[in-house]
Amino acid sequence: MQLGLSHSLSRYKLKFSSDKVDTMIVQAVGLLDELDKEINTYAMRVKEWYGWHFPEMQAIVAENARYSKV
């Protein structure tokens, strides 16, 4: 609990400090993390939904991008 709180506090301080030059970099990294999380969530949903129709597909195709193209 404390570790998560300290991470949130440090992220908050980095996000809103106007005197830091690398604020945009920190925000870009945070955005990439959020995008990665969203992509993984959608890939899991696609695998779950299509898994009802063809469950063997998860063993055949491991990559999320290839799975969604098929």
C-alpha atoms as a PDB file:
ATOM      1  CA  MET A   1       0.000   0.000   0.000  1.00  0.00           C
ATOM      2  CA  GLN A   2       2.744   2.459   0.929  1.00  0.00           C
ATOM      3  CA  LEU A   3       4.759   1.651  -2.161  1.00  0.00           C
ATOM      4  CA  GLY A   4       1.793   2.354  -4.425  1.00  0.00           C
ATOM      5  CA  LEU A   5       1.063   5.576  -2.585  1.00  0.00           C
ATOM      6  CA  SER A   6       4.657   6.758  -2.886  1.00  0.00           C
ATOM      7  CA  HIS A   7       4.673   5.938  -6.607  1.00  0.00           C
ATOM      8  CA  SER A   8       1.474   7.906  -7.095  1.00  0.00           C
ATOM      9  CA  LEU A   9       2.846  10.835  -5.129  1.00  0.00           C
ATOM     10  CA  SER A  10       6.090  10.916  -7.106  1.00  0.00           C
ATOM     11  CA  ARG A  11       4.178  10.686 -10.404  1.00  0.00           C
ATOM     12  CA  TYR A  12       1.985  13.561  -9.279  1.00  0.00           C
ATOM     13  CA  LYS A  13       5.009  15.672  -8.379  1.00  0.00           C
ATOM     14  CA  LEU A  14       6.692  14.945 -11.708  1.00  0.00           C
ATOM     15  CA  LYS A  15       3.548  15.641 -13.719  1.00  0.00           C
ATOM     16  CA  PHE A  16       2.840  19.029 -12.235  1.00  0.00           C
ATOM     17  CA  SER A  17       6.334  20.446 -11.746  1.00  0.00           C
ATOM     18  CA  SER A  18       6.710  23.210 -14.305  1.00  0.00           C
ATOM     19  CA  ASP A  19      10.422  23.722 -13.689  1.00  0.00           C
ATOM     20  CA  LYS A  20      11.417  20.286 -15.020  1.00  0.00           C
ATOM     21  CA  VAL A  21      12.634  20.101 -18.590  1.00  0.00           C
ATOM     22  CA  ASP A  22      11.862  16.411 -18.963  1.00  0.00           C
ATOM     23  CA  THR A  23       8.205  16.659 -17.955  1.00  0.00           C
ATOM     24  CA  MET A  24       7.087  15.934 -21.495  1.00  0.00           C
ATOM     25  CA  ILE A  25       9.245  12.809 -21.578  1.00  0.00           C
ATOM     26  CA  VAL A  26       7.756  11.562 -18.320  1.00  0.00           C
ATOM     27  CA  GLN A  27       4.246  12.187 -19.639  1.00  0.00           C
ATOM     28  CA  ALA A  28       5.079  10.437 -22.922  1.00  0.00           C
ATOM     29  CA  VAL A  29       6.311   7.387 -21.026  1.00  0.00           C
ATOM     30  CA  GLY A  30       3.134   7.414 -18.954  1.00  0.00           C
ATOM     31  CA  LEU A  31       1.054   7.614 -22.128  1.00  0.00           C
ATOM     32  CA  LEU A  32       2.934   4.667 -23.639  1.00  0.00           C
ATOM     33  CA  ASP A  33       2.279   2.645 -20.490  1.00  0.00           C
ATOM     34  CA  GLU A  34      -1.430   3.451 -20.671  1.00  0.00           C
ATOM     35  CA  LEU A  35      -1.576   2.562 -24.370  1.00  0.00           C
ATOM     36  CA  ASP A  36       0.190  -0.728 -23.740  1.00  0.00           C
ATOM     37  CA  LYS A  37      -2.284  -1.546 -20.987  1.00  0.00           C
ATOM     38  CA  GLU A  38      -5.262  -0.728 -23.236  1.00  0.00           C
ATOM     39  CA  ILE A  39      -3.886  -2.779 -26.143  1.00  0.00           C
ATOM     40  CA  ASN A  40      -3.368  -5.759 -23.868  1.00  0.00           C
ATOM     41  CA  THR A  41      -6.888  -5.399 -22.487  1.00  0.00           C
ATOM     42  CA  TYR A  42      -8.407  -5.343 -25.980  1.00  0.00           C
ATOM     43  CA  ALA A  43      -6.252  -8.271 -27.099  1.00  0.00           C
ATOM     44  CA  MET A  44      -7.437 -10.296 -24.117  1.00  0.00           C
ATOM     45  CA  ARG A  45     -11.052  -9.492 -25.007  1.00  0.00           C
ATOM     46  CA  VAL A  46     -10.551 -10.538 -28.626  1.00  0.00           C
ATOM     47  CA  LYS A  47      -8.944 -13.801 -27.543  1.00  0.00           C
ATOM     48  CA  GLU A  48     -11.729 -14.455 -25.056  1.00  0.00           C
ATOM     49  CA  TRP A  49     -14.526 -13.695 -27.518  1.00  0.00           C
ATOM     50  CA  TYR A  50     -13.022 -15.583 -30.447  1.00  0.00           C
ATOM     51  CA  GLY A  51     -11.952 -18.358 -28.096  1.00  0.00           C
ATOM     52  CA  TRP A  52     -15.593 -19.400 -27.773  1.00  0.00           C
ATOM     53  CA  HIS A  53     -15.630 -20.109 -31.505  1.00  0.00           C
ATOM     54  CA  PHE A  54     -12.126 -21.513 -32.009  1.00  0.00           C
ATOM     55  CA  PRO A  55     -10.296 -22.181 -28.699  1.00  0.00           C
ATOM     56  CA  GLU A  56      -7.319 -23.919 -30.342  1.00  0.00           C
ATOM     57  CA  MET A  57      -6.317 -20.639 -31.989  1.00  0.00           C
ATOM     58  CA  GLN A  58      -4.600 -19.374 -28.809  1.00  0.00           C
ATOM     59  CA  ALA A  59      -2.147 -22.268 -28.939  1.00  0.00           C
ATOM     60  CA  ILE A  60      -1.503 -21.781 -32.654  1.00  0.00           C
ATOM     61  CA  VAL A  61      -1.020 -17.995 -32.734  1.00  0.00           C
ATOM     62  CA  ALA A  62       0.782 -16.413 -29.777  1.00  0.00           C
ATOM     63  CA  GLU A  63       1.232 -12.794 -30.940  1.00  0.00           C
ATOM     64  CA  ASN A  64      -1.634 -10.382 -30.307  1.00  0.00           C
ATOM     65  CA  ALA A  65      -1.281  -8.560 -33.638  1.00  0.00           C
ATOM     66  CA  ARG A  66      -1.318 -11.765 -35.687  1.00  0.00           C
ATOM     67  CA  TYR A  67      -4.217 -13.115 -33.645  1.00  0.00           C
ATOM     68  CA  SER A  68      -6.329 -10.035 -34.344  1.00  0.00           C
ATOM     69  CA  LYS A  69      -5.529 -10.144 -38.085  1.00  0.00           C
ATOM     70  CA  VAL A  70      -6.652 -13.751 -38.389  1.00  0.00           C
END
